[in-house]
Every structure is written in C-alpha cells, then in structure tokens.
Protein backbone atom coordinates (compact mmCIF):
# COMPACT_ATOMS: atom_id res chain seq x y z
CA MET A 1 46.18 -5.33 39.38
CA LEU A 2 46.15 -1.68 38.42
CA LYS A 3 49.12 -0.51 36.13
CA ASN A 4 48.31 2.96 36.74
CA LYS A 5 47.72 4.31 40.13
CA PRO A 6 45.41 7.42 40.98
CA VAL A 7 46.85 10.90 41.75
CA TYR A 8 44.72 13.31 43.70
CA ASN A 9 45.21 16.91 42.66
CA TYR A 10 43.87 19.73 45.08
CA ASP A 11 45.25 22.69 42.97
CA ILE A 12 42.29 23.78 40.84
CA GLU A 13 44.20 26.38 38.66
CA GLU A 14 46.67 23.46 37.89
CA CYS A 15 43.77 21.14 37.01
CA ASN A 16 42.19 23.81 34.65
CA GLN A 17 45.55 24.16 32.94
CA LEU A 18 45.74 20.20 32.69
CA PHE A 19 42.29 20.18 30.99
CA LYS A 20 43.41 22.87 28.56
CA LYS A 21 46.43 20.80 27.62
CA GLY A 22 44.10 17.64 27.05
CA VAL A 23 44.88 15.55 30.21
CA TYR A 24 41.36 14.72 31.61
CA PRO A 25 40.36 13.39 34.99
CA ILE A 26 38.98 9.85 35.78
CA GLY A 27 37.10 11.45 38.77
CA CYS A 28 36.48 14.17 41.16
CA GLY A 29 35.39 14.53 44.66
CA ILE A 30 35.21 16.60 48.12
CA GLY A 31 37.70 15.81 50.97
CA ASP A 32 36.02 14.41 54.00
CA LYS A 33 38.15 16.18 56.50
CA ASP A 34 38.66 19.59 54.88
CA GLY A 35 35.86 19.88 52.32
CA ARG A 36 38.39 21.03 49.38
CA VAL A 37 37.48 19.71 45.97
CA PHE A 38 39.97 17.59 44.18
CA HIS A 39 40.31 15.88 40.86
CA VAL A 40 41.70 12.40 40.33
CA PHE A 41 44.02 11.72 37.42
CA THR A 42 45.72 8.52 36.30
CA ALA A 43 49.41 8.52 37.35
CA ASN A 44 51.01 8.01 33.85
CA ARG A 45 54.03 9.83 32.09
CA ARG A 46 51.81 12.13 30.05
CA TYR A 47 50.35 13.54 33.58
CA PHE A 48 53.65 14.14 35.20
CA ASP A 49 55.05 15.86 31.94
CA MET A 50 52.26 18.23 31.53
CA VAL A 51 52.50 19.23 35.49
CA LYS A 52 56.17 19.91 34.84
CA LEU A 53 55.23 21.99 31.77
CA ILE A 54 52.51 23.97 33.78
CA ASN A 55 54.92 24.70 36.59
CA PHE A 56 57.54 25.80 34.01
CA GLU A 57 55.19 28.23 32.30
CA MET A 58 53.98 29.55 35.49
CA ASN A 59 57.41 30.26 36.73
CA GLU A 60 58.36 31.93 33.21
CA LYS A 61 55.10 34.05 33.72
CA ARG A 62 56.28 35.10 37.21
CA GLN A 63 59.59 35.97 36.13
CA SER A 64 58.40 38.11 33.10
CA ASN A 65 56.07 40.17 35.38
CA MET A 66 58.87 41.28 37.66
C-alpha cells in the first residue's frame, strides 16, 4: 500500500519554483483530454510546505509591485 499518494501539478511556473527549492517530481506527462503538461510529485509534507511558501512569495512580490 502506498504511504504517499501522487499529486498532479499543471502549473508550470510553480513547478519550476519547486525544482529550484529542491522538490523534484517522480514523473511527468501530457493530459489526454486537454494536452497540457503536468508534473507528478509525492504528496508529502515537504511538497505542501513548499507550495505554501511559493504562493506566499508570489503574493508578496505582487503586493510590492503595486
């Protein structure tokens, strides 16, 4: 039985930021219905913490540009 489930991320910019922060995918692919590229990550605490950090940094950047 799998302890960590897969997470499919279609946001390429967010994926690039995850790569820079040391979170690497376990796979990638192209969606059958829409043809968009996605990366597959392991759904663990590190992944979700980094996604929260990236979203926080993006919001801070947007607010500083206003």
